[in-house]
Amino acid sequence: MNDTLAIWVAGARPRTLPAAVAPILAGSASAAALGHHDWLIALLCLVLALALQVGVNYANDYSDGVRGTDDDRVGPVRLVASGLASPRAVKAAAFASFGVGALTGLAVVALSGHWWLLAVGALCILAAWFYTGGRRPYGYLGLGELMVFVFFGLVATVGTTYVIADSAPLHAWIAGAAVGALASAILVANNIRDIATDRESGKLTLPARLGDAGARRFYAALCAVAALGIVGFAALTTWYALIALLSLLLLIDPLRRVLGGAMGPRLIPVIQSTGFAEIGLGLGLLVGVYLG
């Protein structure tokens, strides 16, 4: 039983979960900068974001597994490709996660009174599924990083601020761009590792289109966007928010690896460290606002 649970936890790809946590922290920071606090709604937003992240991970495992894209990969366990779980079971897990997200989102909407956000929630679930699902998954067209930036950056951050503070100020969008840049950087690092196998299977991710050197430069550019976002947020709220820059120290080793040409398993720590840096960024903004 414990082995089974461990397999499903590994299949949920815990290293990617910071992409769900960070925007909620950043959005709460923007709301706090406006003088608004609602920890219940913030907690529900966190559950919603985590459910969608886990759901997209299982959906990705299912869709890539049945297509054969994951037959020869380095990195986290693939449930379908490795035969550890049936495609039907993994698909069911994805839909169950989306269901948890939908119910949690309904609770957020009910508490905030912004019922039109149900349409945004539905769009988020559709985007999560069609990343690698459907006949023409956008993840195979090089749009994955853009959609991660939009949904796990701008939408999640600004949405959290909006349901707490009934406002979507400029500093929330800037914070969303900062965390979205690092969320995209996580995906870029993952896709750099898989460029060769993705091209062979017809999965033309953005790194596969940019090429190895271009994708590595793009990772560095995303890290720079995150740093600029912190400065922009601090300029509009409180300079104490610059404490979030400390989180970017966690990117020193990832940048050395990525720009140094690390391949295969040597890129796996990049994903984890970038995730920790993203959480640190969101937490740093929140702590900075309260200190200010």
C-alpha atoms as a PDB file:
ATOM      1  CA  MET A   1       0.000   0.000   0.000  1.00  0.00           C
ATOM      2  CA  ASN A   2       2.809   2.392   0.912  1.00  0.00           C
ATOM      3  CA  ASP A   3       4.607   1.544  -2.332  1.00  0.00           C
ATOM      4  CA  THR A   4       1.441   2.277  -4.288  1.00  0.00           C
ATOM      5  CA  LEU A   5       1.000   5.640  -2.575  1.00  0.00           C
ATOM      6  CA  ALA A   6       4.659   6.501  -3.213  1.00  0.00           C
ATOM      7  CA  ILE A   7       4.207   5.735  -6.913  1.00  0.00           C
ATOM      8  CA  TRP A   8       1.187   8.024  -7.212  1.00  0.00           C
ATOM      9  CA  VAL A   9       2.926  10.785  -5.259  1.00  0.00           C
ATOM     10  CA  ALA A  10       5.926  10.519  -7.578  1.00  0.00           C
ATOM     11  CA  GLY A  11       3.567  10.588 -10.564  1.00  0.00           C
ATOM     12  CA  ALA A  12       2.133  13.868  -9.293  1.00  0.00           C
ATOM     13  CA  ARG A  13       5.641  15.352  -9.812  1.00  0.00           C
ATOM     14  CA  PRO A  14       6.150  17.205  -6.504  1.00  0.00           C
ATOM     15  CA  ARG A  15       9.037  19.239  -7.944  1.00  0.00           C
ATOM     16  CA  THR A  16       6.510  21.171 -10.058  1.00  0.00           C
ATOM     17  CA  LEU A  17       4.198  22.100  -7.166  1.00  0.00           C
ATOM     18  CA  PRO A  18       6.011  25.361  -6.318  1.00  0.00           C
ATOM     19  CA  ALA A  19       4.479  26.685  -9.541  1.00  0.00           C
ATOM     20  CA  ALA A  20       1.110  26.406  -7.774  1.00  0.00           C
ATOM     21  CA  VAL A  21       2.168  27.749  -4.363  1.00  0.00           C
ATOM     22  CA  ALA A  22       4.157  30.826  -5.404  1.00  0.00           C
ATOM     23  CA  PRO A  23       1.409  32.767  -7.207  1.00  0.00           C
ATOM     24  CA  ILE A  24      -0.938  32.418  -4.243  1.00  0.00           C
ATOM     25  CA  LEU A  25       1.725  33.867  -1.947  1.00  0.00           C
ATOM     26  CA  ALA A  26       2.412  36.680  -4.407  1.00  0.00           C
ATOM     27  CA  GLY A  27      -1.279  37.405  -4.903  1.00  0.00           C
ATOM     28  CA  SER A  28      -1.806  37.512  -1.146  1.00  0.00           C
ATOM     29  CA  ALA A  29       1.114  39.949  -0.926  1.00  0.00           C
ATOM     30  CA  SER A  30      -0.546  42.267  -3.435  1.00  0.00           C
ATOM     31  CA  ALA A  31      -3.834  42.082  -1.537  1.00  0.00           C
ATOM     32  CA  ALA A  32      -2.031  42.812   1.743  1.00  0.00           C
ATOM     33  CA  ALA A  33      -0.357  45.813   0.128  1.00  0.00           C
ATOM     34  CA  LEU A  34      -3.892  47.148  -0.426  1.00  0.00           C
ATOM     35  CA  GLY A  35      -4.767  46.490   3.212  1.00  0.00           C
ATOM     36  CA  HIS A  36      -6.873  43.372   2.584  1.00  0.00           C
ATOM     37  CA  HIS A  37      -6.408  39.995   4.264  1.00  0.00           C
ATOM     38  CA  ASP A  38      -8.501  36.824   3.988  1.00  0.00           C
ATOM     39  CA  TRP A  39      -6.578  33.687   4.906  1.00  0.00           C
ATOM     40  CA  LEU A  40      -9.544  31.366   4.237  1.00  0.00           C
ATOM     41  CA  ILE A  41      -9.856  32.494   0.642  1.00  0.00           C
ATOM     42  CA  ALA A  42      -6.080  32.407   0.255  1.00  0.00           C
ATOM     43  CA  LEU A  43      -6.015  28.828   1.552  1.00  0.00           C
ATOM     44  CA  LEU A  44      -8.789  27.818  -0.839  1.00  0.00           C
ATOM     45  CA  CYS A  45      -6.900  29.449  -3.713  1.00  0.00           C
ATOM     46  CA  LEU A  46      -3.856  27.395  -2.721  1.00  0.00           C
ATOM     47  CA  VAL A  47      -5.847  24.144  -2.747  1.00  0.00           C
ATOM     48  CA  LEU A  48      -7.298  25.114  -6.122  1.00  0.00           C
ATOM     49  CA  ALA A  49      -3.884  25.833  -7.634  1.00  0.00           C
ATOM     50  CA  LEU A  50      -2.367  22.621  -6.257  1.00  0.00           C
ATOM     51  CA  ALA A  51      -5.282  20.549  -7.559  1.00  0.00           C
ATOM     52  CA  LEU A  52      -4.874  22.007 -11.042  1.00  0.00           C
ATOM     53  CA  GLN A  53      -1.099  21.469 -10.995  1.00  0.00           C
ATOM     54  CA  VAL A  54      -1.455  17.841  -9.926  1.00  0.00           C
ATOM     55  CA  GLY A  55      -4.232  17.409 -12.465  1.00  0.00           C
ATOM     56  CA  VAL A  56      -2.146  18.737 -15.333  1.00  0.00           C
ATOM     57  CA  ASN A  57       0.750  16.510 -14.279  1.00  0.00           C
ATOM     58  CA  TYR A  58      -1.425  13.386 -14.343  1.00  0.00           C
ATOM     59  CA  ALA A  59      -3.048  14.517 -17.594  1.00  0.00           C
ATOM     60  CA  ASN A  60       0.404  15.035 -19.102  1.00  0.00           C
ATOM     61  CA  ASP A  61       1.465  11.574 -17.920  1.00  0.00           C
ATOM     62  CA  TYR A  62      -1.646  10.020 -19.471  1.00  0.00           C
ATOM     63  CA  SER A  63      -1.562  11.848 -22.807  1.00  0.00           C
ATOM     64  CA  ASP A  64       2.183  11.508 -23.385  1.00  0.00           C
ATOM     65  CA  GLY A  65       2.039   7.897 -22.218  1.00  0.00           C
ATOM     66  CA  VAL A  66      -0.637   6.793 -24.676  1.00  0.00           C
ATOM     67  CA  ARG A  67       1.129   8.680 -27.476  1.00  0.00           C
ATOM     68  CA  GLY A  68       4.457   7.023 -26.693  1.00  0.00           C
ATOM     69  CA  THR A  69       6.189  10.352 -26.070  1.00  0.00           C
ATOM     70  CA  ASP A  70       7.400   9.196 -22.639  1.00  0.00           C
ATOM     71  CA  ASP A  71       8.844   5.861 -23.750  1.00  0.00           C
ATOM     72  CA  ASP A  72      12.452   7.080 -23.410  1.00  0.00           C
ATOM     73  CA  ARG A  73      12.755   9.875 -20.858  1.00  0.00           C
ATOM     74  CA  VAL A  74      15.078  10.965 -18.065  1.00  0.00           C
ATOM     75  CA  GLY A  75      13.558  12.419 -14.935  1.00  0.00           C
ATOM     76  CA  PRO A  76      10.447  11.856 -12.806  1.00  0.00           C
ATOM     77  CA  VAL A  77       8.545   8.598 -12.974  1.00  0.00           C
ATOM     78  CA  ARG A  78       6.000   8.267 -15.781  1.00  0.00           C
ATOM     79  CA  LEU A  79       3.126   6.104 -14.597  1.00  0.00           C
ATOM     80  CA  VAL A  80       1.695   5.114 -17.968  1.00  0.00           C
ATOM     81  CA  ALA A  81       4.933   4.785 -19.926  1.00  0.00           C
ATOM     82  CA  SER A  82       6.554   2.689 -17.191  1.00  0.00           C
ATOM     83  CA  GLY A  83       3.517   0.458 -16.764  1.00  0.00           C
ATOM     84  CA  LEU A  84       3.165   1.363 -13.079  1.00  0.00           C
ATOM     85  CA  ALA A  85      -0.465   2.390 -13.616  1.00  0.00           C
ATOM     86  CA  SER A  86      -3.013   1.896 -16.362  1.00  0.00           C
ATOM     87  CA  PRO A  87      -3.871   4.795 -18.687  1.00  0.00           C
ATOM     88  CA  ARG A  88      -7.447   4.621 -17.441  1.00  0.00           C
ATOM     89  CA  ALA A  89      -6.376   4.999 -13.808  1.00  0.00           C
ATOM     90  CA  VAL A  90      -4.076   7.938 -14.542  1.00  0.00           C
ATOM     91  CA  LYS A  91      -6.769   9.662 -16.600  1.00  0.00           C
ATOM     92  CA  ALA A  92      -9.207   9.160 -13.720  1.00  0.00           C
ATOM     93  CA  ALA A  93      -6.673  10.676 -11.302  1.00  0.00           C
ATOM     94  CA  ALA A  94      -6.334  13.716 -13.562  1.00  0.00           C
ATOM     95  CA  PHE A  95     -10.095  14.216 -13.721  1.00  0.00           C
ATOM     96  CA  ALA A  96     -10.403  13.693  -9.949  1.00  0.00           C
ATOM     97  CA  SER A  97      -7.816  16.419  -9.391  1.00  0.00           C
ATOM     98  CA  PHE A  98      -9.673  18.734 -11.745  1.00  0.00           C
ATOM     99  CA  GLY A  99     -12.848  17.937  -9.829  1.00  0.00           C
ATOM    100  CA  VAL A 100     -11.240  18.961  -6.544  1.00  0.00           C
ATOM    101  CA  GLY A 101     -10.092  22.150  -8.223  1.00  0.00           C
ATOM    102  CA  ALA A 102     -13.575  22.857  -9.581  1.00  0.00           C
ATOM    103  CA  LEU A 103     -15.243  22.392  -6.192  1.00  0.00           C
ATOM    104  CA  THR A 104     -12.641  24.523  -4.458  1.00  0.00           C
ATOM    105  CA  GLY A 105     -12.988  27.195  -7.113  1.00  0.00           C
ATOM    106  CA  LEU A 106     -16.755  27.174  -6.570  1.00  0.00           C
ATOM    107  CA  ALA A 107     -16.169  27.811  -2.871  1.00  0.00           C
ATOM    108  CA  VAL A 108     -13.839  30.728  -3.663  1.00  0.00           C
ATOM    109  CA  VAL A 109     -16.392  32.245  -6.012  1.00  0.00           C
ATOM    110  CA  ALA A 110     -19.192  31.825  -3.470  1.00  0.00           C
ATOM    111  CA  LEU A 111     -17.170  33.533  -0.740  1.00  0.00           C
ATOM    112  CA  SER A 112     -15.942  36.367  -2.944  1.00  0.00           C
ATOM    113  CA  GLY A 113     -19.213  36.887  -4.827  1.00  0.00           C
ATOM    114  CA  HIS A 114     -17.501  37.130  -8.224  1.00  0.00           C
ATOM    115  CA  TRP A 115     -19.523  34.491 -10.062  1.00  0.00           C
ATOM    116  CA  TRP A 116     -18.137  35.390 -13.477  1.00  0.00           C
ATOM    117  CA  LEU A 117     -14.864  33.838 -12.342  1.00  0.00           C
ATOM    118  CA  LEU A 118     -16.469  30.419 -12.893  1.00  0.00           C
ATOM    119  CA  ALA A 119     -15.771  30.962 -16.598  1.00  0.00           C
ATOM    120  CA  VAL A 120     -12.100  31.658 -15.812  1.00  0.00           C
ATOM    121  CA  GLY A 121     -11.942  28.470 -13.739  1.00  0.00           C
ATOM    122  CA  ALA A 122     -13.419  26.430 -16.579  1.00  0.00           C
ATOM    123  CA  LEU A 123     -10.843  27.928 -18.935  1.00  0.00           C
ATOM    124  CA  CYS A 124      -8.056  26.964 -16.519  1.00  0.00           C
ATOM    125  CA  ILE A 125      -9.216  23.333 -16.468  1.00  0.00           C
ATOM    126  CA  LEU A 126      -9.475  23.222 -20.254  1.00  0.00           C
ATOM    127  CA  ALA A 127      -5.972  24.690 -20.558  1.00  0.00           C
ATOM    128  CA  ALA A 128      -4.668  22.071 -18.117  1.00  0.00           C
ATOM    129  CA  TRP A 129      -6.136  19.192 -20.125  1.00  0.00           C
ATOM    130  CA  PHE A 130      -5.250  20.394 -23.612  1.00  0.00           C
ATOM    131  CA  TYR A 131      -1.602  21.045 -22.711  1.00  0.00           C
ATOM    132  CA  THR A 132      -0.886  17.525 -23.939  1.00  0.00           C
ATOM    133  CA  GLY A 133      -4.442  16.230 -24.443  1.00  0.00           C
ATOM    134  CA  GLY A 134      -6.724  16.340 -27.450  1.00  0.00           C
ATOM    135  CA  ARG A 135      -5.873  16.084 -31.129  1.00  0.00           C
ATOM    136  CA  ARG A 136      -3.688  19.191 -31.264  1.00  0.00           C
ATOM    137  CA  PRO A 137      -2.161  19.732 -27.803  1.00  0.00           C
ATOM    138  CA  TYR A 138      -0.650  23.175 -27.519  1.00  0.00           C
ATOM    139  CA  GLY A 139       2.289  21.787 -25.545  1.00  0.00           C
ATOM    140  CA  TYR A 140       3.369  20.065 -28.760  1.00  0.00           C
ATOM    141  CA  LEU A 141       3.255  23.373 -30.623  1.00  0.00           C
ATOM    142  CA  GLY A 142       5.717  25.273 -28.433  1.00  0.00           C
ATOM    143  CA  LEU A 143       3.068  27.167 -26.441  1.00  0.00           C
ATOM    144  CA  GLY A 144       3.508  25.413 -23.097  1.00  0.00           C
ATOM    145  CA  GLU A 145       5.768  28.022 -21.520  1.00  0.00           C
ATOM    146  CA  LEU A 146       3.481  30.857 -22.608  1.00  0.00           C
ATOM    147  CA  MET A 147       0.407  29.183 -21.115  1.00  0.00           C
ATOM    148  CA  VAL A 148       2.241  28.423 -17.869  1.00  0.00           C
ATOM    149  CA  PHE A 149       3.231  32.090 -17.663  1.00  0.00           C
ATOM    150  CA  VAL A 150      -0.381  33.143 -18.219  1.00  0.00           C
ATOM    151  CA  PHE A 151      -2.203  30.669 -15.979  1.00  0.00           C
ATOM    152  CA  PHE A 152       0.348  29.893 -13.226  1.00  0.00           C
ATOM    153  CA  GLY A 153       1.659  33.431 -13.284  1.00  0.00           C
ATOM    154  CA  LEU A 154      -0.776  36.177 -14.207  1.00  0.00           C
ATOM    155  CA  VAL A 155      -4.127  34.445 -13.727  1.00  0.00           C
ATOM    156  CA  ALA A 156      -3.275  32.735 -10.427  1.00  0.00           C
ATOM    157  CA  THR A 157      -1.583  35.776  -8.896  1.00  0.00           C
ATOM    158  CA  VAL A 158      -3.971  38.488 -10.043  1.00  0.00           C
ATOM    159  CA  GLY A 159      -6.934  36.181  -9.417  1.00  0.00           C
ATOM    160  CA  THR A 160      -5.867  35.653  -5.803  1.00  0.00           C
ATOM    161  CA  THR A 161      -5.504  39.386  -5.291  1.00  0.00           C
ATOM    162  CA  TYR A 162      -8.873  40.042  -6.894  1.00  0.00           C
ATOM    163  CA  VAL A 163     -10.901  37.573  -4.827  1.00  0.00           C
ATOM    164  CA  ILE A 164      -9.328  38.904  -1.615  1.00  0.00           C
ATOM    165  CA  ALA A 165      -9.176  42.642  -2.321  1.00  0.00           C
ATOM    166  CA  ASP A 166     -11.782  43.142  -5.102  1.00  0.00           C
ATOM    167  CA  SER A 167      -9.036  44.831  -7.090  1.00  0.00           C
ATOM    168  CA  ALA A 168      -6.397  43.966  -9.696  1.00  0.00           C
ATOM    169  CA  PRO A 169      -3.680  46.623  -9.261  1.00  0.00           C
ATOM    170  CA  LEU A 170      -0.609  46.959 -11.444  1.00  0.00           C
ATOM    171  CA  HIS A 171       1.664  45.518  -8.762  1.00  0.00           C
ATOM    172  CA  ALA A 172      -0.368  42.283  -8.814  1.00  0.00           C
ATOM    173  CA  TRP A 173       0.281  41.919 -12.549  1.00  0.00           C
ATOM    174  CA  ILE A 174       3.981  42.595 -12.012  1.00  0.00           C
ATOM    175  CA  ALA A 175       4.127  40.014  -9.218  1.00  0.00           C
ATOM    176  CA  GLY A 176       2.314  37.588 -11.498  1.00  0.00           C
ATOM    177  CA  ALA A 177       4.869  38.173 -14.238  1.00  0.00           C
ATOM    178  CA  ALA A 178       7.714  37.500 -11.777  1.00  0.00           C
ATOM    179  CA  VAL A 179       6.378  34.170 -10.517  1.00  0.00           C
ATOM    180  CA  GLY A 180       5.139  33.263 -13.989  1.00  0.00           C
ATOM    181  CA  ALA A 181       8.635  33.738 -15.369  1.00  0.00           C
ATOM    182  CA  LEU A 182      10.064  31.226 -12.899  1.00  0.00           C
ATOM    183  CA  ALA A 183       7.168  28.815 -13.455  1.00  0.00           C
ATOM    184  CA  SER A 184       7.981  28.953 -17.157  1.00  0.00           C
ATOM    185  CA  ALA A 185      11.673  28.513 -16.352  1.00  0.00           C
ATOM    186  CA  ILE A 186      10.847  25.234 -14.587  1.00  0.00           C
ATOM    187  CA  LEU A 187       9.186  23.982 -17.751  1.00  0.00           C
ATOM    188  CA  VAL A 188      12.033  25.259 -19.934  1.00  0.00           C
ATOM    189  CA  ALA A 189      14.590  23.331 -17.856  1.00  0.00           C
ATOM    190  CA  ASN A 190      12.435  20.219 -18.065  1.00  0.00           C
ATOM    191  CA  ASN A 191      12.066  20.563 -21.826  1.00  0.00           C
ATOM    192  CA  ILE A 192      15.771  21.296 -22.406  1.00  0.00           C
ATOM    193  CA  ARG A 193      16.450  17.898 -20.853  1.00  0.00           C
ATOM    194  CA  ASP A 194      14.041  16.254 -23.295  1.00  0.00           C
ATOM    195  CA  ILE A 195      14.827  18.124 -26.542  1.00  0.00           C
ATOM    196  CA  ALA A 196      16.188  15.076 -28.367  1.00  0.00           C
ATOM    197  CA  THR A 197      13.393  12.680 -27.401  1.00  0.00           C
ATOM    198  CA  ASP A 198      10.695  15.331 -27.922  1.00  0.00           C
ATOM    199  CA  ARG A 199      11.871  16.000 -31.476  1.00  0.00           C
ATOM    200  CA  GLU A 200      11.909  12.294 -32.250  1.00  0.00           C
ATOM    201  CA  SER A 201       8.320  11.917 -31.038  1.00  0.00           C
ATOM    202  CA  GLY A 202       7.067  15.056 -32.798  1.00  0.00           C
ATOM    203  CA  LYS A 203       6.633  17.081 -29.600  1.00  0.00           C
ATOM    204  CA  LEU A 204       7.952  20.487 -30.644  1.00  0.00           C
ATOM    205  CA  THR A 205       8.205  22.283 -27.320  1.00  0.00           C
ATOM    206  CA  LEU A 206       9.586  25.805 -27.235  1.00  0.00           C
ATOM    207  CA  PRO A 207      13.120  24.573 -26.332  1.00  0.00           C
ATOM    208  CA  ALA A 208      12.877  22.054 -29.176  1.00  0.00           C
ATOM    209  CA  ARG A 209      12.085  24.942 -31.510  1.00  0.00           C
ATOM    210  CA  LEU A 210      14.691  27.335 -30.070  1.00  0.00           C
ATOM    211  CA  GLY A 211      17.416  24.735 -30.030  1.00  0.00           C
ATOM    212  CA  ASP A 212      19.667  23.868 -27.108  1.00  0.00           C
ATOM    213  CA  ALA A 213      21.652  27.120 -26.974  1.00  0.00           C
ATOM    214  CA  GLY A 214      18.627  29.345 -27.494  1.00  0.00           C
ATOM    215  CA  ALA A 215      16.613  27.528 -24.839  1.00  0.00           C
ATOM    216  CA  ARG A 216      19.407  27.949 -22.290  1.00  0.00           C
ATOM    217  CA  ARG A 217      19.576  31.680 -22.957  1.00  0.00           C
ATOM    218  CA  PHE A 218      15.803  31.838 -22.631  1.00  0.00           C
ATOM    219  CA  TYR A 219      16.002  30.227 -19.178  1.00  0.00           C
ATOM    220  CA  ALA A 220      18.457  32.930 -18.087  1.00  0.00           C
ATOM    221  CA  ALA A 221      16.198  35.648 -19.512  1.00  0.00           C
ATOM    222  CA  LEU A 222      13.250  34.328 -17.498  1.00  0.00           C
ATOM    223  CA  CYS A 223      15.331  34.513 -14.321  1.00  0.00           C
ATOM    224  CA  ALA A 224      16.132  38.133 -15.167  1.00  0.00           C
ATOM    225  CA  VAL A 225      12.424  38.891 -15.659  1.00  0.00           C
ATOM    226  CA  ALA A 226      11.740  37.517 -12.180  1.00  0.00           C
ATOM    227  CA  ALA A 227      14.374  39.834 -10.671  1.00  0.00           C
ATOM    228  CA  LEU A 228      12.976  42.866 -12.502  1.00  0.00           C
ATOM    229  CA  GLY A 229       9.481  41.920 -11.363  1.00  0.00           C
ATOM    230  CA  ILE A 230      10.554  41.971  -7.715  1.00  0.00           C
ATOM    231  CA  VAL A 231      12.035  45.444  -8.127  1.00  0.00           C
ATOM    232  CA  GLY A 232       8.909  46.679  -9.913  1.00  0.00           C
ATOM    233  CA  PHE A 233       6.634  45.286  -7.202  1.00  0.00           C
ATOM    234  CA  ALA A 234       8.737  46.887  -4.474  1.00  0.00           C
ATOM    235  CA  ALA A 235       8.682  50.246  -6.234  1.00  0.00           C
ATOM    236  CA  LEU A 236       4.871  50.226  -6.252  1.00  0.00           C
ATOM    237  CA  THR A 237       4.329  48.848  -2.741  1.00  0.00           C
ATOM    238  CA  THR A 238       7.178  48.864  -0.236  1.00  0.00           C
ATOM    239  CA  TRP A 239      10.926  48.605  -0.655  1.00  0.00           C
ATOM    240  CA  TYR A 240      10.917  45.921   2.029  1.00  0.00           C
ATOM    241  CA  ALA A 241       9.636  43.617  -0.718  1.00  0.00           C
ATOM    242  CA  LEU A 242      13.173  43.606  -2.122  1.00  0.00           C
ATOM    243  CA  ILE A 243      13.826  40.910   0.467  1.00  0.00           C
ATOM    244  CA  ALA A 244      12.405  38.581  -2.184  1.00  0.00           C
ATOM    245  CA  LEU A 245      15.626  39.073  -4.168  1.00  0.00           C
ATOM    246  CA  LEU A 246      17.325  36.782  -1.652  1.00  0.00           C
ATOM    247  CA  SER A 247      15.338  33.891  -3.106  1.00  0.00           C
ATOM    248  CA  LEU A 248      17.126  34.350  -6.419  1.00  0.00           C
ATOM    249  CA  LEU A 249      20.370  33.219  -4.815  1.00  0.00           C
ATOM    250  CA  LEU A 250      18.910  29.740  -5.265  1.00  0.00           C
ATOM    251  CA  LEU A 251      19.214  30.291  -9.021  1.00  0.00           C
ATOM    252  CA  ILE A 252      23.013  30.571  -9.001  1.00  0.00           C
ATOM    253  CA  ASP A 253      23.627  26.840  -9.311  1.00  0.00           C
ATOM    254  CA  PRO A 254      20.788  26.299 -11.829  1.00  0.00           C
ATOM    255  CA  LEU A 255      22.132  29.089 -14.025  1.00  0.00           C
ATOM    256  CA  ARG A 256      25.628  27.586 -13.878  1.00  0.00           C
ATOM    257  CA  ARG A 257      24.246  24.217 -14.899  1.00  0.00           C
ATOM    258  CA  VAL A 258      21.994  25.515 -17.653  1.00  0.00           C
ATOM    259  CA  LEU A 259      24.476  27.990 -19.150  1.00  0.00           C
ATOM    260  CA  GLY A 260      27.292  25.500 -18.636  1.00  0.00           C
ATOM    261  CA  GLY A 261      25.638  22.973 -20.929  1.00  0.00           C
ATOM    262  CA  ALA A 262      24.479  20.421 -18.337  1.00  0.00           C
ATOM    263  CA  MET A 263      22.556  17.551 -19.916  1.00  0.00           C
ATOM    264  CA  GLY A 264      20.242  14.736 -18.836  1.00  0.00           C
ATOM    265  CA  PRO A 265      20.153  13.931 -15.110  1.00  0.00           C
ATOM    266  CA  ARG A 266      22.354  16.954 -14.304  1.00  0.00           C
ATOM    267  CA  LEU A 267      19.384  19.175 -15.190  1.00  0.00           C
ATOM    268  CA  ILE A 268      17.038  17.552 -12.675  1.00  0.00           C
ATOM    269  CA  PRO A 269      18.321  19.658  -9.719  1.00  0.00           C
ATOM    270  CA  VAL A 270      17.680  22.754 -11.839  1.00  0.00           C
ATOM    271  CA  ILE A 271      13.951  22.051 -11.792  1.00  0.00           C
ATOM    272  CA  GLN A 272      13.883  21.614  -8.024  1.00  0.00           C
ATOM    273  CA  SER A 273      16.034  24.662  -7.244  1.00  0.00           C
ATOM    274  CA  THR A 274      14.051  26.879  -9.621  1.00  0.00           C
ATOM    275  CA  GLY A 275      10.887  25.750  -7.859  1.00  0.00           C
ATOM    276  CA  PHE A 276      12.295  26.631  -4.449  1.00  0.00           C
ATOM    277  CA  ALA A 277      13.370  30.011  -5.791  1.00  0.00           C
ATOM    278  CA  GLU A 278       9.828  30.627  -7.038  1.00  0.00           C
ATOM    279  CA  ILE A 279       8.307  29.828  -3.641  1.00  0.00           C
ATOM    280  CA  GLY A 280      10.947  32.021  -2.000  1.00  0.00           C
ATOM    281  CA  LEU A 281      10.021  34.853  -4.353  1.00  0.00           C
ATOM    282  CA  GLY A 282       6.334  34.687  -3.465  1.00  0.00           C
ATOM    283  CA  LEU A 283       7.049  34.332   0.245  1.00  0.00           C
ATOM    284  CA  GLY A 284       9.572  37.156   0.117  1.00  0.00           C
ATOM    285  CA  LEU A 285       7.012  39.516  -1.394  1.00  0.00           C
ATOM    286  CA  LEU A 286       4.489  38.588   1.294  1.00  0.00           C
ATOM    287  CA  VAL A 287       6.955  38.985   4.142  1.00  0.00           C
ATOM    288  CA  GLY A 288       8.231  42.234   2.669  1.00  0.00           C
ATOM    289  CA  VAL A 289       4.745  43.723   2.517  1.00  0.00           C
ATOM    290  CA  TYR A 290       4.072  42.851   6.155  1.00  0.00           C
ATOM    291  CA  LEU A 291       7.439  44.231   7.224  1.00  0.00           C
ATOM    292  CA  GLY A 292       6.616  47.419   5.366  1.00  0.00           C
END
